[in-house]
Amino acid sequence: MLHIVNKSPSERNTLDSCLRMSGKGSAVLLIEDGVYGATKGNIAEGKIKEALKDRSVYALWPDLEARGMQDAVIEGVKLVDYGGFVDLVAEHNNAQSWL
């Protein structure tokens, strides 16, 4: 399953809930303000590093770039463009948007 998170981990608990509920082998895609969760020094950094052990974590590059965070991405987080976003949706049978 593909889990899509668009809220900042410092403002909402959406990412935390997603990481608790998503299973091994699933994929998490951070978009919009959710990309803050993919950056070093954020409140969720430890949880993202733990999640990377058994699931894939992606961040939407244009959203990182728009926020000036492109140089602060946690090692292991994969960056995708809009085409990559579409590919992830197509690769997974189910997608869950965490609002």
C-alpha atoms as a PDB file:
ATOM      1  CA  MET A   1       0.000   0.000   0.000  1.00  0.00           C
ATOM      2  CA  LEU A   2       1.080   3.554  -0.703  1.00  0.00           C
ATOM      3  CA  HIS A   3       0.536   6.008   2.159  1.00  0.00           C
ATOM      4  CA  ILE A   4       0.503   9.693   1.192  1.00  0.00           C
ATOM      5  CA  VAL A   5       1.093  12.364   3.856  1.00  0.00           C
ATOM      6  CA  ASN A   6       0.732  16.088   3.165  1.00  0.00           C
ATOM      7  CA  LYS A   7       0.848  17.614   6.675  1.00  0.00           C
ATOM      8  CA  SER A   8       3.922  18.853   8.547  1.00  0.00           C
ATOM      9  CA  PRO A   9       4.881  16.602  11.484  1.00  0.00           C
ATOM     10  CA  SER A  10       5.367  19.685  13.662  1.00  0.00           C
ATOM     11  CA  GLU A  11       1.762  20.821  13.175  1.00  0.00           C
ATOM     12  CA  ARG A  12      -0.222  17.578  13.014  1.00  0.00           C
ATOM     13  CA  ASN A  13       0.208  13.963  14.104  1.00  0.00           C
ATOM     14  CA  THR A  14      -0.676  12.671  10.631  1.00  0.00           C
ATOM     15  CA  LEU A  15       2.810  11.330   9.852  1.00  0.00           C
ATOM     16  CA  ASP A  16       3.059   9.699  13.258  1.00  0.00           C
ATOM     17  CA  SER A  17      -0.298   7.947  12.747  1.00  0.00           C
ATOM     18  CA  CYS A  18       0.719   6.865   9.253  1.00  0.00           C
ATOM     19  CA  LEU A  19       3.992   5.364  10.442  1.00  0.00           C
ATOM     20  CA  ARG A  20       2.231   3.515  13.278  1.00  0.00           C
ATOM     21  CA  MET A  21      -0.427   2.058  10.969  1.00  0.00           C
ATOM     22  CA  SER A  22       1.546   1.339   7.803  1.00  0.00           C
ATOM     23  CA  GLY A  23       2.958  -2.139   7.613  1.00  0.00           C
ATOM     24  CA  LYS A  24       6.254  -3.626   6.611  1.00  0.00           C
ATOM     25  CA  GLY A  25       6.875  -3.413   2.912  1.00  0.00           C
ATOM     26  CA  SER A  26       4.529  -0.492   2.403  1.00  0.00           C
ATOM     27  CA  ALA A  27       5.573   2.842   0.930  1.00  0.00           C
ATOM     28  CA  VAL A  28       5.187   6.319   2.418  1.00  0.00           C
ATOM     29  CA  LEU A  29       5.160   9.367   0.149  1.00  0.00           C
ATOM     30  CA  LEU A  30       5.595  12.809   1.696  1.00  0.00           C
ATOM     31  CA  ILE A  31       4.132  15.696  -0.292  1.00  0.00           C
ATOM     32  CA  GLU A  32       3.318  19.383   0.280  1.00  0.00           C
ATOM     33  CA  ASP A  33       4.150  20.295   3.928  1.00  0.00           C
ATOM     34  CA  GLY A  34       4.608  16.596   4.660  1.00  0.00           C
ATOM     35  CA  VAL A  35       8.092  16.857   3.115  1.00  0.00           C
ATOM     36  CA  TYR A  36       9.305  18.516   6.314  1.00  0.00           C
ATOM     37  CA  GLY A  37       9.139  15.013   7.780  1.00  0.00           C
ATOM     38  CA  ALA A  38      11.889  13.936   5.370  1.00  0.00           C
ATOM     39  CA  THR A  39      14.384  16.513   6.624  1.00  0.00           C
ATOM     40  CA  LYS A  40      17.198  16.288   9.142  1.00  0.00           C
ATOM     41  CA  GLY A  41      16.517  17.796  12.542  1.00  0.00           C
ATOM     42  CA  ASN A  42      12.736  17.652  12.379  1.00  0.00           C
ATOM     43  CA  ILE A  43      10.537  16.250  15.128  1.00  0.00           C
ATOM     44  CA  ALA A  44       9.941  13.021  13.179  1.00  0.00           C
ATOM     45  CA  GLU A  45      13.512  12.301  12.077  1.00  0.00           C
ATOM     46  CA  GLY A  46      13.947   9.322  14.400  1.00  0.00           C
ATOM     47  CA  LYS A  47      10.636   7.810  13.339  1.00  0.00           C
ATOM     48  CA  ILE A  48      11.501   8.206   9.652  1.00  0.00           C
ATOM     49  CA  LYS A  49      14.880   6.525  10.190  1.00  0.00           C
ATOM     50  CA  GLU A  50      13.153   3.661  11.993  1.00  0.00           C
ATOM     51  CA  ALA A  51      10.543   3.354   9.219  1.00  0.00           C
ATOM     52  CA  LEU A  52      13.292   3.155   6.587  1.00  0.00           C
ATOM     53  CA  LYS A  53      14.343  -0.198   8.058  1.00  0.00           C
ATOM     54  CA  ASP A  54      11.273  -1.997   6.708  1.00  0.00           C
ATOM     55  CA  ARG A  55       9.462   0.288   4.264  1.00  0.00           C
ATOM     56  CA  SER A  56      10.222   2.766   1.523  1.00  0.00           C
ATOM     57  CA  VAL A  57       9.950   6.482   2.233  1.00  0.00           C
ATOM     58  CA  TYR A  58       9.706   8.960  -0.624  1.00  0.00           C
ATOM     59  CA  ALA A  59       9.539  12.749  -0.743  1.00  0.00           C
ATOM     60  CA  LEU A  60       8.280  14.869  -3.597  1.00  0.00           C
ATOM     61  CA  TRP A  61      11.295  16.802  -4.897  1.00  0.00           C
ATOM     62  CA  PRO A  62       9.423  19.893  -6.182  1.00  0.00           C
ATOM     63  CA  ASP A  63       7.825  20.359  -2.738  1.00  0.00           C
ATOM     64  CA  LEU A  64      11.196  20.050  -0.984  1.00  0.00           C
ATOM     65  CA  GLU A  65      12.727  22.505  -3.415  1.00  0.00           C
ATOM     66  CA  ALA A  66       9.847  24.976  -3.029  1.00  0.00           C
ATOM     67  CA  ARG A  67      10.490  25.013   0.731  1.00  0.00           C
ATOM     68  CA  GLY A  68      14.278  25.309   0.370  1.00  0.00           C
ATOM     69  CA  MET A  69      14.791  21.941   2.081  1.00  0.00           C
ATOM     70  CA  GLN A  70      16.424  20.033  -0.780  1.00  0.00           C
ATOM     71  CA  ASP A  71      19.827  19.926   0.967  1.00  0.00           C
ATOM     72  CA  ALA A  72      18.510  18.618   4.300  1.00  0.00           C
ATOM     73  CA  VAL A  73      16.949  15.291   3.279  1.00  0.00           C
ATOM     74  CA  ILE A  74      17.430  12.327   5.616  1.00  0.00           C
ATOM     75  CA  GLU A  75      19.690   9.673   4.109  1.00  0.00           C
ATOM     76  CA  GLY A  76      17.647   6.830   2.658  1.00  0.00           C
ATOM     77  CA  VAL A  77      14.612   8.909   1.711  1.00  0.00           C
ATOM     78  CA  LYS A  78      14.070   8.575  -2.023  1.00  0.00           C
ATOM     79  CA  LEU A  79      13.237  11.691  -4.005  1.00  0.00           C
ATOM     80  CA  VAL A  80      10.631  11.615  -6.754  1.00  0.00           C
ATOM     81  CA  ASP A  81       9.299  14.126  -9.248  1.00  0.00           C
ATOM     82  CA  TYR A  82       5.679  14.313 -10.417  1.00  0.00           C
ATOM     83  CA  GLY A  83       6.241  11.450 -12.851  1.00  0.00           C
ATOM     84  CA  GLY A  84       7.628   9.377  -9.980  1.00  0.00           C
ATOM     85  CA  PHE A  85       4.534  10.231  -7.933  1.00  0.00           C
ATOM     86  CA  VAL A  86       2.349   8.854 -10.736  1.00  0.00           C
ATOM     87  CA  ASP A  87       4.559   5.754 -10.998  1.00  0.00           C
ATOM     88  CA  LEU A  88       4.198   5.082  -7.252  1.00  0.00           C
ATOM     89  CA  VAL A  89       0.416   5.319  -7.461  1.00  0.00           C
ATOM     90  CA  ALA A  90       0.393   2.983 -10.467  1.00  0.00           C
ATOM     91  CA  GLU A  91       2.729   0.460  -8.757  1.00  0.00           C
ATOM     92  CA  HIS A  92       0.536   0.071  -5.675  1.00  0.00           C
ATOM     93  CA  ASN A  93      -2.899  -1.537  -5.667  1.00  0.00           C
ATOM     94  CA  ASN A  94      -4.099   0.752  -2.891  1.00  0.00           C
ATOM     95  CA  ALA A  95      -3.317   4.288  -1.800  1.00  0.00           C
ATOM     96  CA  GLN A  96      -4.244   5.931   1.507  1.00  0.00           C
ATOM     97  CA  SER A  97      -4.127   9.702   1.867  1.00  0.00           C
ATOM     98  CA  TRP A  98      -3.553  10.794   5.448  1.00  0.00           C
ATOM     99  CA  LEU A  99      -5.348  14.084   6.001  1.00  0.00           C
END
